[in-house]
Amino acid sequence: MNPDQTYQMVINKFMAVGGDGYPKMTAHASYVDTGFVDAEVLRAYIVAHSPLQAANYAPPKGLTCKERHCE
């Protein structure tokens, strides 16, 4: 990531509203509630791309994760 860039991120509504103690994002000036439900979006993706091939979703070679940090 480049610290001089602006990035967009997607989080589910549970996290956005502060569930489980996450910081609330709903008051952030750039917050947008799309109205999409994650389970419905996932179902639509699976239907559109079935049959799914697990190998197509494997992490890239060389990606290593240690203690919640991936390189």
Foldseek 3Di string as FASTA:
>chain_A
DDPVDDDDDDDAPCLCCQHPNRDHNPPPPPDDDPVDHVVVVVVVVVVVDPPDDVVVVDDDPPWDDDPRDID
